[in-house]
Amino acid sequence: MEFDPTLVHEWLRRSARRTPGKKALVYGQESWTYRRLDGWSDHFAETLADLGVRRSDRVAILTGNRPETVISLYGTLKAGGVFVTLDGNTKPPRLKYVLENSGAKVLVARANQANVVAEALQGLQADLRIVWLDTHEPIHDGVPNPGLTWESVFESPQGRSGQAGHGVNDALPRCIDVDLASLIYTSATTGDPKGVMSTHHNMISAARSIIQYIGNEPDDVILNALPLSFDYGLYQIIMAVMFGGTVVIEPSFVYLHNILHRIADEGVTGFPIVPTMVAMLLKMRDLNQYDLGHLRYMTNTGAALPVHHIRSLQRLLPHVKIFSMFGLTECKRVGYLEPDELDRRPGSVGKAMPNCEVAVVDEDGSEVRPGEIGELVIRGSNVMQGYWNDPEMTARVYHPGTYPASRWLYSGDYFRRDTEGFLYFLGRKDDMIKTRGERVSPKEVEYVVCEMEDVVEAAVVPVPDEILGQAIKVYLVCRTNSLEAKDVLRYCQAKLASFMVPKYVEFVAALPKTANGKINKRELQTVKGE
């Protein structure tokens, strides 16, 4: 009898054993079988051990969306380490903070990131070893410890053949499922980034629940254009390796035309998206030129999709199941809406996913009645361990239950729940707008504005106001120049309560985005506020 693995990297070993010749990754014109991916990550694990990485040591990976990132993270786990994936366009201040905060022993970076790395390392008190990609020689300029090259790590026949790994576990640490597997640093729109600690058990539990409700099978092919530094993008790899599927990795979602061709060429069945990608899709004139017949499902999280966008997707892709979901890095995923429920309650993000429990509570922690607004709290094995090196913040967000594993994660998000238990996201607690003595959810205003035919994207932010306390301002991205501010205000007056109607309307060519594709409202407020 074979039992399910308890460590994240053991799932790679199992898939390599079961389907060694199957494609695990596709990147450009290159493909990686499970055997090859398993062998190269074994070899990298041995290299990390030679570099001094020991059980629970951290390895930072700066290489972006490419196969070397996947090899590095699985190699780190096999070496008993904790991987820290960073966006490939990370700036020096953030890189320095993460390297210092995590205490990383090794950094994997591209040669064209040398200047960023050198600047980040200035004044950093750490004995950091570096593995460089895309160069035949270690980089010395501005880097105190030049390290190795990827080429030299895999120059041996054993490393290149992908046959390493037979008996490799004998020389590497033995880990258990409560050991840390990853640190995922939050986007930090306010304050310093927080390193969310995930154990092997957390990651496997979260991935298993998502696989269960999506219904993934080994013949699924997922196209991932989301950053592997973003838990939504990262878990596309973790999940596919667990169910034995294939992931097509794209560097980004900027060139949507290329992505749609890839979906057709690779027979993609699953396409994880964020609202920014949907807005780009809806701007395209004719999707009929792309063969999307194999596409079985799309998932959305990161931010809720406006109802109008959901309706548009349903018309464009009637054969595709759309999963509207909600999650946060601290627990990976919270809930999802069954695709069959979209027509009945398109504004909902559904109910708790399998093996997860939620409640909507008031400031005293008591559950509120259906229809009332409260904070969403989450419990389950998907809830991560807390924030790295920050016990104070951990204590603020993770509240104890009746025994250690039953603690509740306080999301910081306002929700309401209907009489049937379906959840509706209203916004971050610190994003709510207080105007005319009322509390306004920016999301509710954005949903209404996005119903207007010409609107592609909307962002609602508060603006200081001497009389109202805070006034409501909406930024709009439109397909054409047909709308005027008075049209938007007239529409809002017909659809919203008077205190929810924006005072200001501004049309922009594009909205500022974070690396994860979310609208950066902090930038709108600081740069474009009234």
Protein backbone atom coordinates (compact mmCIF):
# COMPACT_ATOMS: atom_id res chain seq x y z
CA MET A 1 0.00 0.00 0.00
CA GLU A 2 1.32 3.44 -0.95
CA PHE A 3 0.48 6.40 1.26
CA ASP A 4 0.44 10.06 0.20
CA PRO A 5 3.73 11.89 0.77
CA THR A 6 3.95 14.23 3.74
CA LEU A 7 6.69 16.50 2.35
CA VAL A 8 6.26 18.86 -0.62
CA HIS A 9 9.28 17.56 -2.54
CA GLU A 10 8.26 13.93 -2.05
CA TRP A 11 5.34 14.58 -4.42
CA LEU A 12 7.87 15.41 -7.14
CA ARG A 13 9.69 12.16 -6.44
CA ARG A 14 6.41 10.23 -6.69
CA SER A 15 5.33 11.85 -9.97
CA ALA A 16 8.81 11.20 -11.40
CA ARG A 17 8.50 7.56 -10.43
CA ARG A 18 4.96 7.15 -11.78
CA THR A 19 5.27 9.12 -15.04
CA PRO A 20 8.99 9.76 -15.61
CA GLY A 21 8.68 10.76 -19.26
CA LYS A 22 5.70 13.05 -18.88
CA LYS A 23 6.08 16.81 -19.33
CA ALA A 24 6.16 18.57 -15.98
CA LEU A 25 7.12 22.04 -17.25
CA VAL A 26 7.04 23.83 -20.59
CA TYR A 27 8.97 27.08 -21.01
CA GLY A 28 9.32 28.61 -24.44
CA GLN A 29 10.43 25.82 -26.76
CA GLU A 30 11.89 23.78 -23.91
CA SER A 31 10.12 21.08 -21.91
CA TRP A 32 11.11 19.30 -18.71
CA THR A 33 9.98 15.79 -17.90
CA TYR A 34 9.30 14.74 -14.34
CA ARG A 35 12.42 12.56 -14.40
CA ARG A 36 14.59 15.46 -15.52
CA LEU A 37 13.08 17.93 -13.05
CA ASP A 38 13.52 15.45 -10.19
CA GLY A 39 17.12 14.69 -11.17
CA TRP A 40 18.20 18.31 -11.56
CA SER A 41 16.61 19.32 -8.26
CA ASP A 42 18.45 16.40 -6.58
CA HIS A 43 21.72 17.70 -7.98
CA PHE A 44 20.94 21.23 -6.82
CA ALA A 45 20.15 19.92 -3.34
CA GLU A 46 23.60 18.34 -3.17
CA THR A 47 25.15 21.62 -4.30
CA LEU A 48 23.32 23.54 -1.58
CA ALA A 49 24.57 21.05 1.00
CA ASP A 50 28.12 21.62 -0.30
CA LEU A 51 27.56 25.38 0.09
CA GLY A 52 26.73 24.88 3.77
CA VAL A 53 22.93 24.86 3.66
CA ARG A 54 21.57 22.86 6.57
CA ARG A 55 18.11 21.92 7.76
CA SER A 56 15.81 24.97 8.04
CA ASP A 57 18.31 27.33 6.35
CA ARG A 58 16.77 29.79 3.90
CA VAL A 59 17.52 30.01 0.17
CA ALA A 60 16.35 33.13 -1.70
CA ILE A 61 15.38 32.68 -5.35
CA LEU A 62 15.31 35.82 -7.52
CA THR A 63 15.11 34.24 -10.96
CA GLY A 64 11.47 34.91 -11.85
CA ASN A 65 9.21 32.70 -13.96
CA ARG A 66 11.53 30.11 -15.43
CA PRO A 67 12.38 26.41 -14.85
CA GLU A 68 15.48 27.23 -12.77
CA THR A 69 13.19 28.72 -10.13
CA VAL A 70 11.27 25.45 -9.88
CA ILE A 71 14.49 23.41 -9.75
CA SER A 72 15.84 25.72 -7.05
CA LEU A 73 12.78 25.57 -4.81
CA TYR A 74 12.50 21.77 -4.97
CA GLY A 75 16.26 21.45 -4.55
CA THR A 76 16.06 23.68 -1.47
CA LEU A 77 13.37 21.48 0.05
CA LYS A 78 15.36 18.32 -0.67
CA ALA A 79 18.33 19.89 1.09
CA GLY A 80 16.11 20.44 4.14
CA GLY A 81 15.96 24.18 3.53
CA VAL A 82 13.25 26.83 3.30
CA PHE A 83 12.76 28.55 -0.06
CA VAL A 84 12.04 32.27 -0.44
CA THR A 85 10.79 33.14 -3.93
CA LEU A 86 11.14 36.78 -4.96
CA ASP A 87 9.80 38.63 -7.97
CA GLY A 88 12.39 38.79 -10.74
CA ASN A 89 12.06 42.60 -10.86
CA THR A 90 12.64 43.10 -7.13
CA LYS A 91 14.37 46.41 -6.35
CA PRO A 92 17.50 46.61 -4.17
CA PRO A 93 15.82 47.94 -0.98
CA ARG A 94 13.27 45.13 -0.87
CA LEU A 95 15.88 42.50 -1.78
CA LYS A 96 18.17 43.75 0.98
CA TYR A 97 15.33 43.71 3.50
CA VAL A 98 14.29 40.15 2.59
CA LEU A 99 17.87 38.82 2.61
CA GLU A 100 18.51 40.44 5.98
CA ASN A 101 15.16 39.51 7.52
CA SER A 102 15.21 35.90 6.32
CA GLY A 103 18.91 35.36 7.04
CA ALA A 104 19.27 33.61 3.68
CA LYS A 105 22.41 31.48 3.24
CA VAL A 106 22.21 31.30 -0.57
CA LEU A 107 20.80 33.55 -3.29
CA VAL A 108 19.97 32.31 -6.80
CA ALA A 109 20.01 35.20 -9.28
CA ARG A 110 20.41 36.00 -12.98
CA ALA A 111 23.54 37.64 -14.35
CA ASN A 112 21.56 40.68 -15.51
CA GLN A 113 20.51 41.25 -11.89
CA ALA A 114 24.12 41.75 -10.74
CA ASN A 115 23.75 45.50 -10.18
CA VAL A 116 20.58 44.99 -8.13
CA VAL A 117 22.27 42.27 -6.07
CA ALA A 118 25.43 44.33 -5.54
CA GLU A 119 23.42 47.33 -4.30
CA ALA A 120 21.32 45.13 -2.01
CA LEU A 121 24.42 43.57 -0.50
CA GLN A 122 25.98 46.90 0.49
CA GLY A 123 26.20 46.95 4.28
CA LEU A 124 24.55 43.54 4.59
CA GLN A 125 26.15 41.60 7.42
CA ALA A 126 25.80 38.09 6.04
CA ASP A 127 27.95 35.35 4.55
CA LEU A 128 25.79 34.94 1.48
CA ARG A 129 26.71 32.54 -1.31
CA ILE A 130 25.32 33.25 -4.78
CA VAL A 131 24.47 30.94 -7.67
CA TRP A 132 24.40 32.93 -10.94
CA LEU A 133 22.34 32.04 -14.01
CA ASP A 134 23.10 33.00 -17.60
CA THR A 135 26.86 33.40 -17.19
CA HIS A 136 29.92 31.17 -17.51
CA GLU A 137 31.92 33.03 -14.87
CA PRO A 138 31.02 34.08 -11.31
CA ILE A 139 30.35 37.80 -10.98
CA HIS A 140 32.83 39.77 -8.84
CA ASP A 141 31.99 43.45 -9.36
CA GLY A 142 30.40 44.82 -6.21
CA VAL A 143 29.70 41.33 -4.88
CA PRO A 144 31.83 40.30 -1.89
CA ASN A 145 31.26 36.58 -2.39
CA PRO A 146 31.06 35.68 -6.10
CA GLY A 147 29.80 32.13 -5.57
CA LEU A 148 29.06 29.69 -8.40
CA THR A 149 27.42 29.62 -11.79
CA TRP A 150 24.42 27.51 -12.69
CA GLU A 151 26.49 26.12 -15.53
CA SER A 152 29.18 24.86 -13.16
CA VAL A 153 26.60 23.31 -10.83
CA PHE A 154 25.24 21.17 -13.65
CA GLU A 155 28.40 20.65 -15.69
CA SER A 156 28.79 17.00 -14.65
CA PRO A 157 27.19 14.28 -16.78
CA GLN A 158 25.18 13.18 -13.76
CA GLY A 159 23.69 16.64 -13.28
CA ARG A 160 22.93 17.18 -16.95
CA SER A 161 21.37 13.79 -17.57
CA GLY A 162 18.74 14.24 -14.90
CA GLN A 163 19.61 10.85 -13.46
CA ALA A 164 20.89 12.14 -10.13
CA GLY A 165 18.93 11.35 -7.05
CA HIS A 166 19.18 7.60 -6.61
CA GLY A 167 20.11 7.43 -2.96
CA VAL A 168 20.56 11.21 -2.73
CA ASN A 169 18.24 11.34 0.30
CA ASP A 170 20.77 9.28 2.26
CA ALA A 171 23.17 12.23 2.32
CA LEU A 172 20.56 14.96 3.00
CA PRO A 173 18.67 15.88 6.19
CA ARG A 174 15.57 14.00 7.23
CA CYS A 175 12.63 16.41 7.55
CA ILE A 176 9.11 16.12 8.92
CA ASP A 177 5.90 17.81 7.85
CA VAL A 178 5.92 20.47 10.58
CA ASP A 179 9.26 21.81 9.31
CA LEU A 180 9.09 25.09 7.44
CA ALA A 181 9.02 24.80 3.65
CA SER A 182 8.71 28.41 2.50
CA LEU A 183 8.65 32.07 3.43
CA ILE A 184 6.38 34.13 1.19
CA TYR A 185 6.86 37.84 1.67
CA THR A 186 3.75 40.00 1.47
CA SER A 187 3.53 42.85 -1.01
CA ALA A 188 3.74 45.39 1.84
CA THR A 189 1.56 48.25 0.61
CA THR A 190 2.07 49.57 4.17
CA GLY A 191 5.09 48.93 6.39
CA ASP A 192 7.81 46.36 5.88
CA PRO A 193 7.13 43.09 4.01
CA LYS A 194 6.12 40.21 6.28
CA GLY A 195 7.50 36.72 5.73
CA VAL A 196 4.59 34.29 5.98
CA MET A 197 5.84 30.95 7.34
CA SER A 198 4.44 27.80 5.71
CA THR A 199 5.21 24.25 6.76
CA HIS A 200 5.16 21.26 4.42
CA HIS A 201 1.86 20.27 6.04
CA ASN A 202 0.35 23.75 5.45
CA MET A 203 1.29 23.74 1.77
CA ILE A 204 0.15 20.20 1.06
CA SER A 205 -3.15 20.72 2.92
CA ALA A 206 -3.94 23.93 1.05
CA ALA A 207 -2.99 22.48 -2.34
CA ARG A 208 -4.97 19.28 -1.74
CA SER A 209 -8.15 21.23 -0.92
CA ILE A 210 -7.84 23.38 -4.05
CA ILE A 211 -7.16 20.36 -6.27
CA GLN A 212 -10.25 18.73 -4.79
CA TYR A 213 -12.74 21.49 -5.59
CA ILE A 214 -11.27 22.32 -9.01
CA GLY A 215 -11.26 18.62 -9.88
CA ASN A 216 -7.74 18.51 -11.32
CA GLU A 217 -6.61 15.37 -13.15
CA PRO A 218 -3.21 14.29 -14.52
CA ASP A 219 -4.19 15.35 -18.05
CA ASP A 220 -4.66 18.98 -16.98
CA VAL A 221 -2.30 21.52 -18.53
CA ILE A 222 -2.09 24.80 -16.63
CA LEU A 223 -0.78 28.02 -18.12
CA ASN A 224 0.82 30.12 -15.40
CA ALA A 225 1.70 33.73 -16.20
CA LEU A 226 1.48 34.79 -12.55
CA PRO A 227 4.69 35.46 -10.61
CA LEU A 228 6.13 32.44 -8.82
CA SER A 229 6.83 34.85 -5.94
CA PHE A 230 3.04 35.24 -5.57
CA ASP A 231 1.41 32.32 -3.74
CA TYR A 232 -1.28 32.08 -6.43
CA GLY A 233 1.39 31.52 -9.10
CA LEU A 234 3.61 29.35 -6.89
CA TYR A 235 0.82 26.93 -6.05
CA GLN A 236 0.14 26.24 -9.72
CA ILE A 237 3.49 24.39 -9.63
CA ILE A 238 2.95 22.74 -6.23
CA MET A 239 -0.52 21.52 -7.21
CA ALA A 240 0.42 20.27 -10.70
CA VAL A 241 3.32 18.25 -9.29
CA MET A 242 0.94 16.71 -6.74
CA PHE A 243 -1.65 15.59 -9.30
CA GLY A 244 0.90 14.86 -12.02
CA GLY A 245 -0.11 17.56 -14.49
CA THR A 246 1.81 19.97 -16.73
CA VAL A 247 2.52 23.67 -16.21
CA VAL A 248 3.29 26.03 -19.08
CA ILE A 249 5.33 28.85 -17.55
CA GLU A 250 5.12 32.32 -19.05
CA PRO A 251 7.39 35.19 -17.92
CA SER A 252 4.43 37.54 -17.40
CA PHE A 253 0.93 38.32 -18.64
CA VAL A 254 1.92 41.55 -20.42
CA TYR A 255 1.81 40.01 -23.91
CA LEU A 256 -1.68 38.55 -23.80
CA HIS A 257 -1.70 37.79 -27.54
CA ASN A 258 1.23 35.39 -27.04
CA ILE A 259 -0.42 33.78 -24.02
CA LEU A 260 -3.62 33.07 -25.92
CA HIS A 261 -1.61 31.44 -28.70
CA ARG A 262 0.19 29.33 -26.07
CA ILE A 263 -3.14 28.21 -24.65
CA ALA A 264 -4.09 26.96 -28.11
CA ASP A 265 -0.71 25.42 -28.99
CA GLU A 266 -0.23 23.56 -25.69
CA GLY A 267 -3.85 22.41 -25.27
CA VAL A 268 -4.16 24.30 -21.99
CA THR A 269 -7.07 23.23 -19.78
CA GLY A 270 -6.58 25.53 -16.77
CA PHE A 271 -5.89 29.26 -16.75
CA PRO A 272 -5.42 31.10 -13.41
CA ILE A 273 -6.14 34.82 -13.79
CA VAL A 274 -6.38 38.07 -11.83
CA PRO A 275 -8.78 40.96 -12.60
CA THR A 276 -6.07 42.87 -14.50
CA MET A 277 -5.80 39.99 -16.97
CA VAL A 278 -9.57 39.91 -17.42
CA ALA A 279 -9.59 43.65 -18.12
CA MET A 280 -6.95 43.08 -20.80
CA LEU A 281 -8.95 40.18 -22.27
CA LEU A 282 -12.09 42.27 -22.48
CA LYS A 283 -10.19 44.99 -24.35
CA MET A 284 -9.35 42.57 -27.15
CA ARG A 285 -11.47 42.90 -30.26
CA ASP A 286 -11.83 39.30 -31.35
CA LEU A 287 -11.08 36.26 -29.23
CA ASN A 288 -12.43 33.97 -31.96
CA GLN A 289 -9.04 33.97 -33.68
CA TYR A 290 -7.65 31.86 -30.82
CA ASP A 291 -8.47 28.19 -30.35
CA LEU A 292 -9.48 27.98 -26.69
CA GLY A 293 -11.48 24.79 -27.11
CA HIS A 294 -9.35 22.75 -24.68
CA LEU A 295 -9.77 25.29 -21.89
CA ARG A 296 -11.81 23.69 -19.11
CA TYR A 297 -11.60 26.17 -16.25
CA MET A 298 -10.41 29.59 -15.18
CA THR A 299 -9.77 30.63 -11.60
CA ASN A 300 -9.66 34.13 -10.14
CA THR A 301 -8.32 35.38 -6.84
CA GLY A 302 -6.13 38.23 -5.60
CA ALA A 303 -9.11 40.58 -5.93
CA ALA A 304 -12.77 39.93 -6.66
CA LEU A 305 -13.91 40.16 -10.27
CA PRO A 306 -16.57 42.79 -10.99
CA VAL A 307 -19.89 41.14 -11.84
CA HIS A 308 -19.91 42.75 -15.29
CA HIS A 309 -16.54 41.12 -16.07
CA ILE A 310 -17.84 37.73 -14.97
CA ARG A 311 -20.85 38.09 -17.27
CA SER A 312 -18.60 39.12 -20.15
CA LEU A 313 -16.33 36.10 -19.62
CA GLN A 314 -19.34 33.79 -19.57
CA ARG A 315 -20.50 35.15 -22.91
CA LEU A 316 -17.04 34.95 -24.47
CA LEU A 317 -16.19 31.48 -23.11
CA PRO A 318 -19.47 29.65 -22.42
CA HIS A 319 -17.74 26.23 -22.25
CA VAL A 320 -15.30 27.31 -19.50
CA LYS A 321 -15.97 26.87 -15.78
CA ILE A 322 -15.14 30.03 -13.86
CA PHE A 323 -14.09 29.66 -10.21
CA SER A 324 -14.42 32.91 -8.27
CA MET A 325 -12.21 32.53 -5.19
CA PHE A 326 -10.84 34.41 -2.23
CA GLY A 327 -7.63 33.95 -0.31
CA LEU A 328 -4.76 35.63 1.45
CA THR A 329 -1.12 34.69 1.74
CA GLU A 330 -1.51 33.83 5.43
CA CYS A 331 -3.73 30.84 4.61
CA LYS A 332 -3.34 30.48 0.83
CA ARG A 333 -7.05 30.07 0.04
CA VAL A 334 -10.26 30.63 2.01
CA GLY A 335 -13.23 29.93 -0.20
CA TYR A 336 -14.56 29.46 -3.68
CA LEU A 337 -17.85 29.74 -5.52
CA GLU A 338 -19.07 26.72 -7.43
CA PRO A 339 -19.27 27.70 -11.13
CA ASP A 340 -22.93 26.63 -11.18
CA GLU A 341 -23.67 29.33 -8.59
CA LEU A 342 -22.28 32.20 -10.67
CA ASP A 343 -25.61 33.06 -12.26
CA ARG A 344 -27.40 33.17 -8.90
CA ARG A 345 -24.82 35.12 -6.88
CA PRO A 346 -22.03 36.49 -9.12
CA GLY A 347 -20.86 38.91 -6.43
CA SER A 348 -20.06 36.13 -3.96
CA VAL A 349 -16.74 34.37 -3.37
CA GLY A 350 -18.61 31.30 -2.17
CA LYS A 351 -18.10 29.24 0.93
CA ALA A 352 -15.10 27.80 2.75
CA MET A 353 -13.06 25.30 0.73
CA PRO A 354 -12.70 21.68 1.90
CA ASN A 355 -10.97 21.26 5.27
CA CYS A 356 -11.31 24.96 6.11
CA GLU A 357 -13.69 26.78 8.45
CA VAL A 358 -14.66 30.46 8.40
CA ALA A 359 -16.75 32.89 10.41
CA VAL A 360 -17.67 36.59 10.18
CA VAL A 361 -17.22 38.25 13.57
CA ASP A 362 -17.55 41.62 15.30
CA GLU A 363 -14.84 43.43 17.26
CA ASP A 364 -15.48 41.19 20.30
CA GLY A 365 -15.01 38.02 18.23
CA SER A 366 -18.71 37.11 18.27
CA GLU A 367 -20.26 35.89 15.04
CA VAL A 368 -22.51 38.47 13.40
CA ARG A 369 -25.95 37.78 11.95
CA PRO A 370 -26.47 37.15 8.20
CA GLY A 371 -26.29 40.41 6.26
CA GLU A 372 -24.24 42.20 8.90
CA ILE A 373 -20.68 43.37 8.26
CA GLY A 374 -17.80 41.81 10.18
CA GLU A 375 -14.23 40.59 9.88
CA LEU A 376 -13.56 37.26 8.23
CA VAL A 377 -11.68 34.76 10.41
CA ILE A 378 -10.29 31.42 9.21
CA ARG A 379 -9.30 28.14 10.82
CA GLY A 380 -7.72 25.02 9.31
CA SER A 381 -4.49 23.27 8.42
CA ASN A 382 -4.12 25.70 5.51
CA VAL A 383 -3.53 28.53 8.00
CA MET A 384 0.18 29.31 8.03
CA GLN A 385 2.39 29.52 11.12
CA GLY A 386 2.72 33.29 11.42
CA TYR A 387 5.24 35.96 10.44
CA TRP A 388 8.96 35.28 10.40
CA ASN A 389 10.80 37.12 13.18
CA ASP A 390 7.68 39.09 14.11
CA PRO A 391 5.93 37.55 17.14
CA GLU A 392 4.10 40.81 17.89
CA MET A 393 2.37 40.93 14.50
CA THR A 394 1.74 37.19 14.66
CA ALA A 395 -0.01 37.58 18.02
CA ARG A 396 -2.10 40.42 16.60
CA VAL A 397 -3.36 38.39 13.63
CA TYR A 398 -3.45 34.79 14.93
CA HIS A 399 -5.84 34.40 17.87
CA PRO A 400 -5.70 31.27 20.05
CA GLY A 401 -8.44 28.66 20.06
CA THR A 402 -9.17 25.97 22.62
CA TYR A 403 -5.96 24.14 21.68
CA PRO A 404 -2.88 25.18 19.62
CA ALA A 405 -3.96 23.90 16.20
CA SER A 406 -7.43 25.46 16.53
CA ARG A 407 -6.29 29.07 16.44
CA TRP A 408 -8.09 31.58 14.22
CA LEU A 409 -6.52 33.79 11.59
CA TYR A 410 -8.00 37.30 11.57
CA SER A 411 -7.96 38.36 7.93
CA GLY A 412 -8.32 42.12 8.27
CA ASP A 413 -11.04 41.93 5.60
CA TYR A 414 -14.67 43.01 5.95
CA PHE A 415 -17.26 40.50 4.74
CA ARG A 416 -20.92 39.78 5.01
CA ARG A 417 -22.61 36.40 4.84
CA ASP A 418 -26.07 35.73 3.41
CA THR A 419 -28.69 33.46 4.95
CA GLU A 420 -27.34 30.46 2.99
CA GLY A 421 -23.78 31.02 4.20
CA PHE A 422 -22.31 32.51 1.01
CA LEU A 423 -19.56 35.09 1.57
CA TYR A 424 -19.31 38.57 0.04
CA PHE A 425 -16.04 40.52 0.18
CA LEU A 426 -16.44 44.20 1.00
CA GLY A 427 -12.83 45.35 1.39
CA ARG A 428 -9.84 45.60 3.68
CA LYS A 429 -10.65 47.09 7.09
CA ASP A 430 -8.14 49.86 6.48
CA ASP A 431 -9.53 50.51 2.98
CA MET A 432 -13.11 51.24 4.07
CA ILE A 433 -14.19 54.82 3.43
CA LYS A 434 -15.90 56.79 6.21
CA THR A 435 -18.03 59.51 4.64
CA ARG A 436 -21.10 61.41 5.86
CA GLY A 437 -21.10 59.29 9.00
CA GLU A 438 -21.43 56.10 6.93
CA ARG A 439 -18.98 53.29 6.14
CA VAL A 440 -18.60 52.62 2.40
CA SER A 441 -17.05 49.57 0.76
CA PRO A 442 -14.93 50.63 -2.24
CA LYS A 443 -15.68 47.27 -3.86
CA GLU A 444 -19.41 47.92 -3.93
CA VAL A 445 -18.87 51.22 -5.74
CA GLU A 446 -16.37 49.65 -8.14
CA TYR A 447 -18.78 46.83 -9.00
CA VAL A 448 -21.47 49.33 -9.98
CA VAL A 449 -19.16 51.53 -12.04
CA CYS A 450 -17.79 48.49 -13.90
CA GLU A 451 -21.33 47.72 -15.08
CA MET A 452 -21.07 50.69 -17.44
CA GLU A 453 -20.47 49.42 -20.95
CA ASP A 454 -17.29 51.35 -21.73
CA VAL A 455 -15.54 50.81 -18.37
CA VAL A 456 -12.65 48.31 -18.26
CA GLU A 457 -11.26 48.93 -14.76
CA ALA A 458 -12.17 51.05 -11.76
CA ALA A 459 -10.47 51.94 -8.50
CA VAL A 460 -12.19 53.79 -5.65
CA VAL A 461 -10.12 55.61 -3.01
CA PRO A 462 -10.86 58.08 -0.20
CA VAL A 463 -9.90 61.74 -0.49
CA PRO A 464 -9.68 64.04 2.58
CA ASP A 465 -12.67 66.37 2.79
CA GLU A 466 -13.32 69.08 5.41
CA ILE A 467 -17.09 68.59 5.38
CA LEU A 468 -17.54 64.87 4.60
CA GLY A 469 -14.50 63.60 6.49
CA GLN A 470 -13.58 61.55 3.44
CA ALA A 471 -14.90 61.99 -0.08
CA ILE A 472 -15.08 59.19 -2.64
CA LYS A 473 -12.98 59.35 -5.77
CA VAL A 474 -13.10 56.87 -8.65
CA TYR A 475 -10.39 56.35 -11.26
CA LEU A 476 -11.58 54.79 -14.51
CA VAL A 477 -9.92 53.05 -17.44
CA CYS A 478 -12.23 52.99 -20.46
CA ARG A 479 -12.17 51.43 -23.93
CA THR A 480 -13.02 54.69 -25.69
CA ASN A 481 -13.42 58.37 -24.81
CA SER A 482 -17.22 58.27 -24.96
CA LEU A 483 -17.85 58.66 -21.21
CA GLU A 484 -17.75 61.90 -19.25
CA ALA A 485 -17.67 62.42 -15.50
CA LYS A 486 -21.31 63.54 -15.46
CA ASP A 487 -22.34 60.22 -17.10
CA VAL A 488 -20.59 58.25 -14.37
CA LEU A 489 -22.12 60.34 -11.59
CA ARG A 490 -25.60 60.07 -13.08
CA TYR A 491 -25.26 56.28 -13.32
CA CYS A 492 -24.03 56.04 -9.71
CA GLN A 493 -26.88 58.21 -8.45
CA ALA A 494 -29.34 55.81 -10.03
CA LYS A 495 -27.66 52.68 -8.65
CA LEU A 496 -26.18 53.64 -5.26
CA ALA A 497 -27.26 55.19 -1.99
CA SER A 498 -26.52 58.92 -1.98
CA PHE A 499 -23.64 58.63 0.52
CA MET A 500 -21.91 56.09 -1.79
CA VAL A 501 -21.90 58.30 -4.89
CA PRO A 502 -18.36 59.49 -5.81
CA LYS A 503 -17.56 63.17 -5.51
CA TYR A 504 -14.69 62.98 -7.98
CA VAL A 505 -14.22 61.07 -11.25
CA GLU A 506 -10.91 60.86 -13.09
CA PHE A 507 -10.20 59.03 -16.35
CA VAL A 508 -6.73 57.48 -16.70
CA ALA A 509 -5.00 55.44 -19.38
CA ALA A 510 -3.95 52.75 -16.88
CA LEU A 511 -4.05 52.04 -13.16
CA PRO A 512 -0.83 51.42 -11.19
CA LYS A 513 -0.30 47.73 -10.40
CA THR A 514 1.75 45.70 -7.97
CA ALA A 515 3.98 42.87 -9.24
CA ASN A 516 1.09 40.49 -8.53
CA GLY A 517 -1.29 42.36 -10.82
CA LYS A 518 -3.32 44.02 -8.06
CA ILE A 519 -4.30 47.69 -8.33
CA ASN A 520 -1.96 49.74 -6.15
CA LYS A 521 -4.41 52.07 -4.41
CA ARG A 522 -1.73 53.44 -2.11
CA GLU A 523 0.01 54.90 -5.14
CA LEU A 524 -3.25 56.43 -6.36
CA GLN A 525 -3.79 58.09 -3.00
CA THR A 526 -0.25 59.39 -2.57
CA VAL A 527 0.37 60.48 -6.16
CA LYS A 528 -3.03 61.46 -7.45
CA GLY A 529 -5.03 62.38 -4.36
CA GLU A 530 -7.01 65.62 -4.40
